[in-house]
C-alpha atoms as a PDB file:
ATOM      1  CA  MET A   1     149.475  68.163  95.497  1.00  0.00           C
ATOM      2  CA  GLN A   2     151.668  70.446  94.505  1.00  0.00           C
ATOM      3  CA  ALA A   3     150.082  71.251  91.070  1.00  0.00           C
ATOM      4  CA  ALA A   4     146.879  71.917  93.001  1.00  0.00           C
ATOM      5  CA  LEU A   5     148.471  74.335  95.298  1.00  0.00           C
ATOM      6  CA  GLY A   6     149.963  76.165  92.496  1.00  0.00           C
ATOM      7  CA  LEU A   7     146.691  76.155  91.011  1.00  0.00           C
ATOM      8  CA  ALA A   8     144.976  77.530  94.017  1.00  0.00           C
ATOM      9  CA  ARG A   9     147.598  80.654  94.167  1.00  0.00           C
ATOM     10  CA  ARG A  10     146.124  81.781  90.836  1.00  0.00           C
ATOM     11  CA  GLY A  11     142.924  82.683  92.776  1.00  0.00           C
ATOM     12  CA  LEU A  12     144.414  84.581  95.964  1.00  0.00           C
ATOM     13  CA  GLY A  13     143.241  88.276  95.506  1.00  0.00           C
ATOM     14  CA  ASN A  14     140.197  87.108  93.361  1.00  0.00           C
ATOM     15  CA  VAL A  15     137.827  85.192  94.995  1.00  0.00           C
ATOM     16  CA  TRP A  16     137.252  87.040  98.211  1.00  0.00           C
ATOM     17  CA  PRO A  17     135.234  86.241 100.815  1.00  0.00           C
ATOM     18  CA  ASN A  18     135.565  82.784  99.625  1.00  0.00           C
ATOM     19  CA  PRO A  19     138.895  80.866 100.057  1.00  0.00           C
ATOM     20  CA  ALA A  20     141.604  80.238  97.272  1.00  0.00           C
ATOM     21  CA  VAL A  21     141.341  76.506  96.159  1.00  0.00           C
ATOM     22  CA  GLY A  22     142.752  74.277  93.615  1.00  0.00           C
ATOM     23  CA  CYS A  23     141.979  70.783  92.440  1.00  0.00           C
ATOM     24  CA  VAL A  24     143.736  67.974  90.282  1.00  0.00           C
ATOM     25  CA  LEU A  25     142.554  64.603  89.128  1.00  0.00           C
ATOM     26  CA  VAL A  26     144.359  62.384  88.370  1.00  0.00           C
ATOM     27  CA  LYS A  27     143.929  58.370  86.591  1.00  0.00           C
ATOM     28  CA  ASP A  28     146.241  55.838  85.543  1.00  0.00           C
ATOM     29  CA  GLY A  29     149.194  58.381  86.230  1.00  0.00           C
ATOM     30  CA  ARG A  30     147.685  60.869  84.059  1.00  0.00           C
ATOM     31  CA  VAL A  31     146.019  64.222  85.321  1.00  0.00           C
ATOM     32  CA  VAL A  32     142.610  64.154  83.418  1.00  0.00           C
ATOM     33  CA  GLY A  33     141.371  67.475  85.082  1.00  0.00           C
ATOM     34  CA  ARG A  34     142.392  70.714  86.695  1.00  0.00           C
ATOM     35  CA  GLY A  35     140.713  73.449  88.476  1.00  0.00           C
ATOM     36  CA  TRP A  36     141.062  76.807  90.682  1.00  0.00           C
ATOM     37  CA  THR A  37     138.488  79.097  92.328  1.00  0.00           C
ATOM     38  CA  ALA A  38     137.078  80.974  89.622  1.00  0.00           C
ATOM     39  CA  LYS A  39     136.701  85.174  89.842  1.00  0.00           C
ATOM     40  CA  GLY A  40     134.082  85.982  92.614  1.00  0.00           C
ATOM     41  CA  GLY A  41     134.301  82.556  94.217  1.00  0.00           C
ATOM     42  CA  ARG A  42     132.275  80.495  91.955  1.00  0.00           C
ATOM     43  CA  PRO A  43     132.341  78.093  90.568  1.00  0.00           C
ATOM     44  CA  HIS A  44     134.445  76.011  92.656  1.00  0.00           C
ATOM     45  CA  ALA A  45     138.123  74.411  92.400  1.00  0.00           C
ATOM     46  CA  GLU A  46     136.591  70.828  92.236  1.00  0.00           C
ATOM     47  CA  THR A  47     133.567  71.935  89.926  1.00  0.00           C
ATOM     48  CA  ARG A  48     135.539  73.563  87.689  1.00  0.00           C
ATOM     49  CA  ALA A  49     138.352  69.809  87.322  1.00  0.00           C
ATOM     50  CA  LEU A  50     135.154  67.619  86.876  1.00  0.00           C
ATOM     51  CA  ALA A  51     133.730  69.616  84.234  1.00  0.00           C
ATOM     52  CA  GLN A  52     137.182  69.430  81.955  1.00  0.00           C
ATOM     53  CA  ALA A  53     137.401  65.315  82.843  1.00  0.00           C
ATOM     54  CA  GLY A  54     134.042  64.957  82.050  1.00  0.00           C
ATOM     55  CA  ARG A  55     133.377  60.898  82.185  1.00  0.00           C
ATOM     56  CA  ALA A  56     137.473  60.576  82.715  1.00  0.00           C
ATOM     57  CA  ALA A  57     136.909  61.448  86.378  1.00  0.00           C
ATOM     58  CA  ALA A  58     135.251  58.004  87.318  1.00  0.00           C
ATOM     59  CA  GLY A  59     137.837  56.255  89.570  1.00  0.00           C
ATOM     60  CA  ALA A  60     139.984  59.117  89.726  1.00  0.00           C
ATOM     61  CA  THR A  61     141.835  60.080  92.465  1.00  0.00           C
ATOM     62  CA  ALA A  62     141.293  64.073  93.618  1.00  0.00           C
ATOM     63  CA  TYR A  63     143.508  66.238  94.850  1.00  0.00           C
ATOM     64  CA  VAL A  64     142.089  68.958  96.748  1.00  0.00           C
ATOM     65  CA  THR A  65     143.954  71.701  98.536  1.00  0.00           C
ATOM     66  CA  LEU A  66     140.992  72.523 101.594  1.00  0.00           C
ATOM     67  CA  GLU A  67     138.154  70.353 102.361  1.00  0.00           C
ATOM     68  CA  PRO A  68     135.698  69.815  99.698  1.00  0.00           C
ATOM     69  CA  CYS A  69     132.294  71.952 100.965  1.00  0.00           C
ATOM     70  CA  CYS A  70     128.904  70.166 101.635  1.00  0.00           C
ATOM     71  CA  HIS A  71     126.552  73.136 101.826  1.00  0.00           C
ATOM     72  CA  HIS A  72     124.463  74.421  99.341  1.00  0.00           C
ATOM     73  CA  GLY A  73     125.475  78.151  98.413  1.00  0.00           C
ATOM     74  CA  GLN A  74     124.789  79.694  94.803  1.00  0.00           C
ATOM     75  CA  THR A  75     126.039  75.851  93.613  1.00  0.00           C
ATOM     76  CA  GLY A  76     125.805  72.559  94.846  1.00  0.00           C
ATOM     77  CA  PRO A  77     128.178  70.575  97.765  1.00  0.00           C
ATOM     78  CA  CYS A  78     131.277  70.083  95.719  1.00  0.00           C
ATOM     79  CA  ALA A  79     131.686  66.773  97.928  1.00  0.00           C
ATOM     80  CA  ASP A  80     128.571  65.553  96.433  1.00  0.00           C
ATOM     81  CA  ALA A  81     129.578  66.755  93.046  1.00  0.00           C
ATOM     82  CA  LEU A  82     132.757  64.230  93.543  1.00  0.00           C
ATOM     83  CA  LYS A  83     130.619  61.749  94.886  1.00  0.00           C
ATOM     84  CA  ALA A  84     128.558  61.462  91.703  1.00  0.00           C
ATOM     85  CA  ALA A  85     131.108  61.899  89.307  1.00  0.00           C
ATOM     86  CA  GLY A  86     132.332  58.658  90.842  1.00  0.00           C
ATOM     87  CA  VAL A  87     135.568  59.820  92.505  1.00  0.00           C
ATOM     88  CA  ALA A  88     137.255  56.827  93.994  1.00  0.00           C
ATOM     89  CA  ARG A  89     139.930  58.501  96.308  1.00  0.00           C
ATOM     90  CA  VAL A  90     140.015  62.313  97.553  1.00  0.00           C
ATOM     91  CA  VAL A  91     143.244  63.655  98.835  1.00  0.00           C
ATOM     92  CA  VAL A  92     142.725  67.021 100.986  1.00  0.00           C
ATOM     93  CA  ALA A  93     145.446  68.743 102.403  1.00  0.00           C
ATOM     94  CA  ILE A  94     143.831  70.594 104.917  1.00  0.00           C
ATOM     95  CA  ASP A  95     139.820  70.922 106.758  1.00  0.00           C
ATOM     96  CA  ASP A  96     138.098  73.899 106.163  1.00  0.00           C
ATOM     97  CA  PRO A  97     137.649  75.454 109.579  1.00  0.00           C
ATOM     98  CA  ASP A  98     134.099  77.133 108.281  1.00  0.00           C
ATOM     99  CA  PRO A  99     131.449  75.789 110.688  1.00  0.00           C
ATOM    100  CA  ARG A 100     129.262  75.309 107.686  1.00  0.00           C
ATOM    101  CA  VAL A 101     131.700  72.315 106.682  1.00  0.00           C
ATOM    102  CA  SER A 102     134.527  71.907 109.126  1.00  0.00           C
ATOM    103  CA  GLY A 103     134.788  67.914 108.573  1.00  0.00           C
ATOM    104  CA  ARG A 104     131.292  67.446 107.216  1.00  0.00           C
ATOM    105  CA  GLY A 105     132.645  67.066 103.893  1.00  0.00           C
ATOM    106  CA  ILE A 106     135.093  64.923 104.717  1.00  0.00           C
ATOM    107  CA  GLU A 107     132.631  62.430 106.480  1.00  0.00           C
ATOM    108  CA  ARG A 108     130.283  62.935 103.659  1.00  0.00           C
ATOM    109  CA  LEU A 109     132.483  61.354 100.836  1.00  0.00           C
ATOM    110  CA  ARG A 110     133.675  59.030 103.202  1.00  0.00           C
ATOM    111  CA  GLN A 111     130.187  57.716 103.981  1.00  0.00           C
ATOM    112  CA  ALA A 112     129.335  57.682 100.356  1.00  0.00           C
ATOM    113  CA  GLY A 113     132.132  55.009  99.853  1.00  0.00           C
ATOM    114  CA  VAL A 114     134.938  57.425  98.985  1.00  0.00           C
ATOM    115  CA  LYS A 115     138.456  56.798 100.589  1.00  0.00           C
ATOM    116  CA  VAL A 116     139.352  60.093 101.769  1.00  0.00           C
ATOM    117  CA  GLU A 117     143.442  61.243 103.207  1.00  0.00           C
ATOM    118  CA  THR A 118     144.032  64.043 105.032  1.00  0.00           C
ATOM    119  CA  GLY A 119     147.138  66.395 106.110  1.00  0.00           C
ATOM    120  CA  LEU A 120     149.431  66.215 102.517  1.00  0.00           C
ATOM    121  CA  LEU A 121     151.524  69.180 102.351  1.00  0.00           C
ATOM    122  CA  ALA A 122     148.743  70.861 105.256  1.00  0.00           C
ATOM    123  CA  ASP A 123     151.367  73.798 106.264  1.00  0.00           C
ATOM    124  CA  ILE A 124     151.737  75.339 102.916  1.00  0.00           C
ATOM    125  CA  ALA A 125     147.925  75.406 102.411  1.00  0.00           C
ATOM    126  CA  ALA A 126     147.218  76.624 105.409  1.00  0.00           C
ATOM    127  CA  GLU A 127     149.714  79.274 104.942  1.00  0.00           C
ATOM    128  CA  LEU A 128     147.891  79.919 101.045  1.00  0.00           C
ATOM    129  CA  ASN A 129     144.831  80.432 102.798  1.00  0.00           C
ATOM    130  CA  ALA A 130     145.594  81.731 105.993  1.00  0.00           C
ATOM    131  CA  GLY A 131     143.606  85.167 105.440  1.00  0.00           C
ATOM    132  CA  PHE A 132     140.146  83.115 104.710  1.00  0.00           C
ATOM    133  CA  PHE A 133     141.347  81.266 108.019  1.00  0.00           C
ATOM    134  CA  LEU A 134     141.728  84.603 110.295  1.00  0.00           C
ATOM    135  CA  ARG A 135     138.815  85.494 108.766  1.00  0.00           C
ATOM    136  CA  VAL A 136     136.224  82.585 109.952  1.00  0.00           C
ATOM    137  CA  GLY A 137     138.820  82.056 112.984  1.00  0.00           C
ATOM    138  CA  GLU A 138     138.887  85.677 114.086  1.00  0.00           C
ATOM    139  CA  GLY A 139     136.739  87.938 111.898  1.00  0.00           C
ATOM    140  CA  ARG A 140     139.252  89.966 110.525  1.00  0.00           C
ATOM    141  CA  PRO A 141     141.496  89.874 107.207  1.00  0.00           C
ATOM    142  CA  LEU A 142     145.269  89.192 107.311  1.00  0.00           C
ATOM    143  CA  VAL A 143     147.316  91.848 107.087  1.00  0.00           C
ATOM    144  CA  THR A 144     150.783  92.099 105.381  1.00  0.00           C
ATOM    145  CA  LEU A 145     152.916  95.739 105.961  1.00  0.00           C
ATOM    146  CA  LYS A 146     154.665  95.737 102.805  1.00  0.00           C
ATOM    147  CA  VAL A 147     158.206  98.007 103.460  1.00  0.00           C
ATOM    148  CA  ALA A 148     160.671  99.307 100.895  1.00  0.00           C
ATOM    149  CA  SER A 149     163.716 100.215 102.828  1.00  0.00           C
ATOM    150  CA  SER A 150     167.339 100.477 102.811  1.00  0.00           C
ATOM    151  CA  LEU A 151     169.607  98.655 104.948  1.00  0.00           C
ATOM    152  CA  ASP A 152     169.327 100.859 108.025  1.00  0.00           C
ATOM    153  CA  GLY A 153     165.587 100.937 107.784  1.00  0.00           C
ATOM    154  CA  ARG A 154     164.384 104.005 106.137  1.00  0.00           C
ATOM    155  CA  ILE A 155     162.101 104.565 103.621  1.00  0.00           C
ATOM    156  CA  ALA A 156     162.955 107.970 102.489  1.00  0.00           C
ATOM    157  CA  THR A 157     165.408 111.188 103.322  1.00  0.00           C
ATOM    158  CA  HIS A 158     164.900 113.694 105.451  1.00  0.00           C
ATOM    159  CA  ARG A 159     163.012 115.505 102.319  1.00  0.00           C
ATOM    160  CA  GLY A 160     160.778 112.600 101.744  1.00  0.00           C
ATOM    161  CA  GLU A 161     162.643 111.501  98.515  1.00  0.00           C
ATOM    162  CA  SER A 162     161.674 107.696  98.167  1.00  0.00           C
ATOM    163  CA  LYS A 163     161.974 107.401  94.495  1.00  0.00           C
ATOM    164  CA  TRP A 164     163.310 104.760  93.907  1.00  0.00           C
ATOM    165  CA  ILE A 165     165.086 103.171  96.851  1.00  0.00           C
ATOM    166  CA  THR A 166     164.570  99.663  95.505  1.00  0.00           C
ATOM    167  CA  GLY A 167     165.268  98.441  91.551  1.00  0.00           C
ATOM    168  CA  GLY A 168     162.819  97.503  88.693  1.00  0.00           C
ATOM    169  CA  ALA A 169     162.845  93.676  89.965  1.00  0.00           C
ATOM    170  CA  ALA A 170     161.659  94.550  93.741  1.00  0.00           C
ATOM    171  CA  ARG A 171     158.892  97.246  92.488  1.00  0.00           C
ATOM    172  CA  ALA A 172     157.670  94.207  90.069  1.00  0.00           C
ATOM    173  CA  ALA A 173     157.511  91.943  93.263  1.00  0.00           C
ATOM    174  CA  GLY A 174     155.370  94.152  95.549  1.00  0.00           C
ATOM    175  CA  HIS A 175     152.828  94.593  92.191  1.00  0.00           C
ATOM    176  CA  ARG A 176     152.750  90.658  92.596  1.00  0.00           C
ATOM    177  CA  LEU A 177     151.373  91.053  96.142  1.00  0.00           C
ATOM    178  CA  ARG A 178     149.157  93.658  95.010  1.00  0.00           C
ATOM    179  CA  ALA A 179     147.559  91.528  92.275  1.00  0.00           C
ATOM    180  CA  GLU A 180     147.572  88.357  95.429  1.00  0.00           C
ATOM    181  CA  ALA A 181     145.868  91.211  97.472  1.00  0.00           C
ATOM    182  CA  ASP A 182     141.970  91.881  98.331  1.00  0.00           C
ATOM    183  CA  ALA A 183     142.682  94.974  99.075  1.00  0.00           C
ATOM    184  CA  ILE A 184     145.666  97.580  99.577  1.00  0.00           C
ATOM    185  CA  LEU A 185     145.597 100.324 102.537  1.00  0.00           C
ATOM    186  CA  VAL A 186     147.640 103.524 103.082  1.00  0.00           C
ATOM    187  CA  GLY A 187     147.038 106.518 105.247  1.00  0.00           C
ATOM    188  CA  SER A 188     146.108 110.168 104.365  1.00  0.00           C
ATOM    189  CA  GLY A 189     149.547 111.391 104.308  1.00  0.00           C
ATOM    190  CA  THR A 190     150.483 108.965 101.584  1.00  0.00           C
ATOM    191  CA  VAL A 191     147.624 110.220  98.866  1.00  0.00           C
ATOM    192  CA  MET A 192     148.047 113.975  99.737  1.00  0.00           C
ATOM    193  CA  SER A 193     152.191 113.902  98.870  1.00  0.00           C
ATOM    194  CA  ASP A 194     152.174 110.870  96.495  1.00  0.00           C
ATOM    195  CA  ASN A 195     148.395 110.839  94.602  1.00  0.00           C
ATOM    196  CA  PRO A 196     148.849 107.413  93.537  1.00  0.00           C
ATOM    197  CA  ASP A 197     146.870 105.064  91.837  1.00  0.00           C
ATOM    198  CA  LEU A 198     147.961 101.711  94.426  1.00  0.00           C
ATOM    199  CA  THR A 199     146.771  99.805  90.691  1.00  0.00           C
ATOM    200  CA  CYS A 200     148.329  96.656  89.993  1.00  0.00           C
ATOM    201  CA  ARG A 201     150.743  97.514  86.679  1.00  0.00           C
ATOM    202  CA  LEU A 202     152.306  94.562  86.007  1.00  0.00           C
ATOM    203  CA  PRO A 203     151.436  93.078  82.308  1.00  0.00           C
ATOM    204  CA  GLY A 204     148.354  90.949  81.753  1.00  0.00           C
ATOM    205  CA  LEU A 205     147.642  91.750  85.527  1.00  0.00           C
ATOM    206  CA  GLU A 206     145.865  95.041  85.502  1.00  0.00           C
ATOM    207  CA  GLU A 207     142.402  93.774  86.267  1.00  0.00           C
ATOM    208  CA  ARG A 208     143.598  92.179  89.272  1.00  0.00           C
ATOM    209  CA  SER A 209     144.075  95.522  90.905  1.00  0.00           C
ATOM    210  CA  PRO A 210     142.664  95.218  94.546  1.00  0.00           C
ATOM    211  CA  VAL A 211     140.237  97.153  96.531  1.00  0.00           C
ATOM    212  CA  ARG A 212     141.955 100.707  97.529  1.00  0.00           C
ATOM    213  CA  LEU A 213     141.850 101.321 101.117  1.00  0.00           C
ATOM    214  CA  VAL A 214     142.703 104.856 103.251  1.00  0.00           C
ATOM    215  CA  VAL A 215     142.454 105.633 106.328  1.00  0.00           C
ATOM    216  CA  ASP A 216     141.399 109.198 106.865  1.00  0.00           C
ATOM    217  CA  GLY A 217     139.999 110.381 110.020  1.00  0.00           C
ATOM    218  CA  ARG A 218     139.195 114.061 108.758  1.00  0.00           C
ATOM    219  CA  LEU A 219     138.174 113.091 105.263  1.00  0.00           C
ATOM    220  CA  ARG A 220     141.419 114.998 103.398  1.00  0.00           C
ATOM    221  CA  LEU A 221     141.449 113.462 100.362  1.00  0.00           C
ATOM    222  CA  PRO A 222     141.042 116.055  97.876  1.00  0.00           C
ATOM    223  CA  LEU A 223     138.330 114.915  95.157  1.00  0.00           C
ATOM    224  CA  THR A 224     140.644 115.285  92.500  1.00  0.00           C
ATOM    225  CA  SER A 225     142.817 112.897  93.739  1.00  0.00           C
ATOM    226  CA  ARG A 226     143.628 109.836  92.086  1.00  0.00           C
ATOM    227  CA  LEU A 227     141.626 107.388  94.264  1.00  0.00           C
ATOM    228  CA  VAL A 228     138.778 109.509  94.098  1.00  0.00           C
ATOM    229  CA  ALA A 229     138.575 110.311  90.432  1.00  0.00           C
ATOM    230  CA  THR A 230     138.895 106.749  89.795  1.00  0.00           C
ATOM    231  CA  ALA A 231     136.453 105.744  92.302  1.00  0.00           C
ATOM    232  CA  GLY A 232     135.063 102.467  91.557  1.00  0.00           C
ATOM    233  CA  ARG A 233     137.635 101.533  88.929  1.00  0.00           C
ATOM    234  CA  PRO A 234     138.954  99.801  91.198  1.00  0.00           C
ATOM    235  CA  ALA A 235     136.630 100.202  94.149  1.00  0.00           C
ATOM    236  CA  THR A 236     138.102 103.212  96.746  1.00  0.00           C
ATOM    237  CA  TRP A 237     136.877 102.612 100.558  1.00  0.00           C
ATOM    238  CA  ILE A 238     137.907 105.350 103.010  1.00  0.00           C
ATOM    239  CA  ILE A 239     138.220 104.524 106.647  1.00  0.00           C
ATOM    240  CA  THR A 240     137.506 107.155 109.154  1.00  0.00           C
ATOM    241  CA  ARG A 241     135.987 108.525 112.163  1.00  0.00           C
ATOM    242  CA  SER A 242     131.706 109.038 112.477  1.00  0.00           C
ATOM    243  CA  GLY A 243     130.431 112.783 112.579  1.00  0.00           C
ATOM    244  CA  ASN A 244     132.196 114.066 109.812  1.00  0.00           C
ATOM    245  CA  ASP A 245     131.225 117.334 107.798  1.00  0.00           C
ATOM    246  CA  ALA A 246     127.969 116.041 106.254  1.00  0.00           C
ATOM    247  CA  GLN A 247     129.041 118.198 102.629  1.00  0.00           C
ATOM    248  CA  ARG A 248     132.549 116.395 102.558  1.00  0.00           C
ATOM    249  CA  ARG A 249     130.592 112.885 102.895  1.00  0.00           C
ATOM    250  CA  GLN A 250     128.203 113.583 100.128  1.00  0.00           C
ATOM    251  CA  ALA A 251     130.834 115.064  97.821  1.00  0.00           C
ATOM    252  CA  LEU A 252     132.884 111.875  98.387  1.00  0.00           C
ATOM    253  CA  PHE A 253     129.861 109.452  98.115  1.00  0.00           C
ATOM    254  CA  ASP A 254     128.812 111.136  94.700  1.00  0.00           C
ATOM    255  CA  CYS A 255     132.281 110.183  93.720  1.00  0.00           C
ATOM    256  CA  GLY A 256     131.768 106.617  93.956  1.00  0.00           C
ATOM    257  CA  VAL A 257     133.336 106.258  97.302  1.00  0.00           C
ATOM    258  CA  ASP A 258     132.538 103.780  99.862  1.00  0.00           C
ATOM    259  CA  LEU A 259     132.999 105.394 103.258  1.00  0.00           C
ATOM    260  CA  ILE A 260     134.044 103.080 106.307  1.00  0.00           C
ATOM    261  CA  GLU A 261     132.701 105.208 109.368  1.00  0.00           C
ATOM    262  CA  LEU A 262     133.366 104.024 113.052  1.00  0.00           C
ATOM    263  CA  PRO A 263     132.953 105.809 116.283  1.00  0.00           C
ATOM    264  CA  PRO A 264     136.735 107.616 117.170  1.00  0.00           C
ATOM    265  CA  THR A 265     138.824 105.883 120.030  1.00  0.00           C
ATOM    266  CA  ALA A 266     139.217 107.170 123.071  1.00  0.00           C
ATOM    267  CA  ASP A 267     142.358 109.571 121.996  1.00  0.00           C
ATOM    268  CA  GLY A 268     139.905 110.816 118.782  1.00  0.00           C
ATOM    269  CA  ARG A 269     141.553 108.603 116.275  1.00  0.00           C
ATOM    270  CA  VAL A 270     140.318 106.216 113.821  1.00  0.00           C
ATOM    271  CA  ASP A 271     139.849 102.596 115.516  1.00  0.00           C
ATOM    272  CA  LEU A 272     141.765 100.367 113.067  1.00  0.00           C
ATOM    273  CA  VAL A 273     140.792  97.036 115.629  1.00  0.00           C
ATOM    274  CA  GLY A 274     136.861  98.043 114.672  1.00  0.00           C
ATOM    275  CA  SER A 275     138.071  98.992 110.790  1.00  0.00           C
ATOM    276  CA  PHE A 276     139.422  95.318 110.780  1.00  0.00           C
ATOM    277  CA  ALA A 277     136.791  93.830 111.938  1.00  0.00           C
ATOM    278  CA  GLU A 278     134.248  95.841 109.596  1.00  0.00           C
ATOM    279  CA  LEU A 279     136.492  94.838 106.653  1.00  0.00           C
ATOM    280  CA  GLY A 280     136.418  91.126 107.633  1.00  0.00           C
ATOM    281  CA  ARG A 281     132.755  91.507 107.956  1.00  0.00           C
ATOM    282  CA  ARG A 282     132.851  92.570 104.219  1.00  0.00           C
ATOM    283  CA  GLY A 283     134.417  89.573 103.384  1.00  0.00           C
ATOM    284  CA  LEU A 284     137.709  90.946 102.763  1.00  0.00           C
ATOM    285  CA  THR A 285     140.648  87.983 103.447  1.00  0.00           C
ATOM    286  CA  ARG A 286     144.008  89.628 102.574  1.00  0.00           C
ATOM    287  CA  VAL A 287     144.912  93.365 102.958  1.00  0.00           C
ATOM    288  CA  LEU A 288     148.455  94.522 102.047  1.00  0.00           C
ATOM    289  CA  VAL A 289     149.502  97.742 103.747  1.00  0.00           C
ATOM    290  CA  GLU A 290     151.746 100.173 101.514  1.00  0.00           C
ATOM    291  CA  GLY A 291     151.696 103.049 104.260  1.00  0.00           C
ATOM    292  CA  GLY A 292     154.244 105.805 105.589  1.00  0.00           C
ATOM    293  CA  ALA A 293     156.067 105.302 109.100  1.00  0.00           C
ATOM    294  CA  ARG A 294     152.926 106.459 110.935  1.00  0.00           C
ATOM    295  CA  LEU A 295     150.466 103.798 109.886  1.00  0.00           C
ATOM    296  CA  SER A 296     153.258 101.271 109.952  1.00  0.00           C
ATOM    297  CA  ALA A 297     153.643 101.918 113.834  1.00  0.00           C
ATOM    298  CA  ALA A 298     149.799 102.015 114.321  1.00  0.00           C
ATOM    299  CA  LEU A 299     149.197  98.847 113.307  1.00  0.00           C
ATOM    300  CA  LEU A 300     152.319  97.224 114.598  1.00  0.00           C
ATOM    301  CA  GLY A 301     151.612  98.795 117.784  1.00  0.00           C
ATOM    302  CA  ALA A 302     147.779  97.284 117.675  1.00  0.00           C
ATOM    303  CA  GLY A 303     149.085  94.163 117.077  1.00  0.00           C
ATOM    304  CA  LEU A 304     147.922  94.030 113.753  1.00  0.00           C
ATOM    305  CA  VAL A 305     150.442  93.298 111.616  1.00  0.00           C
ATOM    306  CA  ASP A 306     150.363  89.550 110.408  1.00  0.00           C
ATOM    307  CA  ARG A 307     153.064  89.223 107.903  1.00  0.00           C
ATOM    308  CA  LEU A 308     156.115  91.413 106.555  1.00  0.00           C
ATOM    309  CA  ALA A 309     157.190  91.637 102.837  1.00  0.00           C
ATOM    310  CA  TRP A 310     160.280  93.807 103.320  1.00  0.00           C
ATOM    311  CA  PHE A 311     162.196  94.402 100.346  1.00  0.00           C
ATOM    312  CA  ARG A 312     165.825  96.071 101.307  1.00  0.00           C
ATOM    313  CA  ALA A 313     168.266  98.231  98.717  1.00  0.00           C
ATOM    314  CA  PRO A 314     171.689  98.162  99.684  1.00  0.00           C
ATOM    315  CA  MET A 315     172.500 101.701 100.330  1.00  0.00           C
ATOM    316  CA  VAL A 316     172.474 103.335 103.991  1.00  0.00           C
ATOM    317  CA  ILE A 317     170.616 106.801 104.196  1.00  0.00           C
ATOM    318  CA  GLY A 318     171.403 107.899 107.894  1.00  0.00           C
ATOM    319  CA  GLY A 319     169.619 108.615 110.889  1.00  0.00           C
ATOM    320  CA  ASP A 320     167.786 112.262 109.910  1.00  0.00           C
ATOM    321  CA  ALA A 321     166.001 110.383 107.264  1.00  0.00           C
ATOM    322  CA  ILE A 322     162.322 108.678 107.419  1.00  0.00           C
ATOM    323  CA  PRO A 323     162.137 105.164 109.366  1.00  0.00           C
ATOM    324  CA  ALA A 324     159.896 102.346 108.654  1.00  0.00           C
ATOM    325  CA  ALA A 325     157.980 102.863 111.517  1.00  0.00           C
ATOM    326  CA  VAL A 326     157.621 105.788 114.261  1.00  0.00           C
ATOM    327  CA  SER A 327     157.469 105.040 117.532  1.00  0.00           C
ATOM    328  CA  PHE A 328     154.319 102.981 119.020  1.00  0.00           C
ATOM    329  CA  GLY A 329     155.312 102.552 122.461  1.00  0.00           C
ATOM    330  CA  VAL A 330     157.885  99.853 122.963  1.00  0.00           C
ATOM    331  CA  ASP A 331     159.943 100.488 125.974  1.00  0.00           C
ATOM    332  CA  SER A 332     161.807  96.856 126.282  1.00  0.00           C
ATOM    333  CA  LEU A 333     162.487  94.185 123.944  1.00  0.00           C
ATOM    334  CA  SER A 334     159.821  91.780 125.238  1.00  0.00           C
ATOM    335  CA  GLN A 335     157.604  94.277 124.193  1.00  0.00           C
ATOM    336  CA  ALA A 336     158.748  94.849 120.540  1.00  0.00           C
ATOM    337  CA  PRO A 337     156.442  92.387 118.077  1.00  0.00           C
ATOM    338  CA  ARG A 338     158.519  89.660 116.470  1.00  0.00           C
ATOM    339  CA  PHE A 339     158.116  87.448 113.285  1.00  0.00           C
ATOM    340  CA  GLU A 340     160.039  84.676 111.741  1.00  0.00           C
ATOM    341  CA  ARG A 341     161.318  84.837 108.527  1.00  0.00           C
ATOM    342  CA  LEU A 342     159.690  82.361 106.672  1.00  0.00           C
ATOM    343  CA  SER A 343     161.820  83.012 102.652  1.00  0.00           C
ATOM    344  CA  VAL A 344     164.419  85.207 101.473  1.00  0.00           C
ATOM    345  CA  ALA A 345     165.200  86.110  97.785  1.00  0.00           C
ATOM    346  CA  ASP A 346     167.693  88.059  95.626  1.00  0.00           C
ATOM    347  CA  LEU A 347     165.872  90.518  93.527  1.00  0.00           C
ATOM    348  CA  GLY A 348     168.782  92.416  90.967  1.00  0.00           C
ATOM    349  CA  GLY A 349     170.629  93.551  94.184  1.00  0.00           C
ATOM    350  CA  ASP A 350     167.807  93.847  96.589  1.00  0.00           C
ATOM    351  CA  THR A 351     166.752  91.408  99.307  1.00  0.00           C
ATOM    352  CA  PHE A 352     163.182  90.386  99.866  1.00  0.00           C
ATOM    353  CA  GLU A 353     162.442  88.745 102.868  1.00  0.00           C
ATOM    354  CA  TYR A 354     159.180  87.517 104.157  1.00  0.00           C
ATOM    355  CA  PHE A 355     157.987  87.274 107.594  1.00  0.00           C
ATOM    356  CA  ARG A 356     155.073  85.422 109.487  1.00  0.00           C
ATOM    357  CA  ARG A 357     154.306  86.894 113.397  1.00  0.00           C
ATOM    358  CA  GLU A 358     155.686  84.950 115.626  1.00  0.00           C
END
């Protein structure tokens, strides 16, 4: 199952709106087939593993990180494929919350005489596909806020200098996060000041660059910015308020930008809660946020941050520097969002900590 989970991880950021699934077929102590969800979500992990195993699948045990599907989509049900191949036993890490499956895949296998066991490494499997589960359950993607800061939580000097607070190993790890995300989100201020590409630049993973999202309530992005000039390679979506200038909207559309327009909040701001609901409807399961202090604060204040990916450099910048998040209305400690640390690692002298919201 650990091997199957490793295979499943290869699909993160590349298979939405589907979950990332891994499958390993074992017979007589030997692996006879391996598979993971292909780009775009098809074919499924079980289908690929069965194709590799061929006739050796008969009598084998399948280790699958998520309950095999039992509904017809672009391909037939994986539960039926496992049964037809003669697989004798299926070990499932966790049930699929999708109402089209949700226990039915396991039941179909059992009715066909296949021995099924569930719950092996379920916690790891649940964390792996937390974005898919959240989209199915709450209609929005998992949001990971990435921060690169000093020890005192500052992301830039008072003059705005931020390159580079952390070193090369930490920056490479940040690009790995991009490769495993469906989309990367920044605010318009970040684009205006840095003119970023927001792509994955790890060798061999350049094609894994996620959808680029920008919160831009007034459509301020210059048409000459890299995100607009390269819209579609990868995709650029702007989240904005409805009612902006028609010519400006058309100019961005002509450049290939996709506009997500929602009615503003009562105070005239972009509706972040509604925006993430729309992203969920579009199939996104995992969004990595690399915005500035204002966007980070807005998301924390709205209760939309599910994970923190915090890179900390061994330096102190001081109180006049730019904080990781501006004020977002915390008057008492009981109001502060709390997180539990899942992992910690040393990256060339910098520290990387990964947190889950309590």
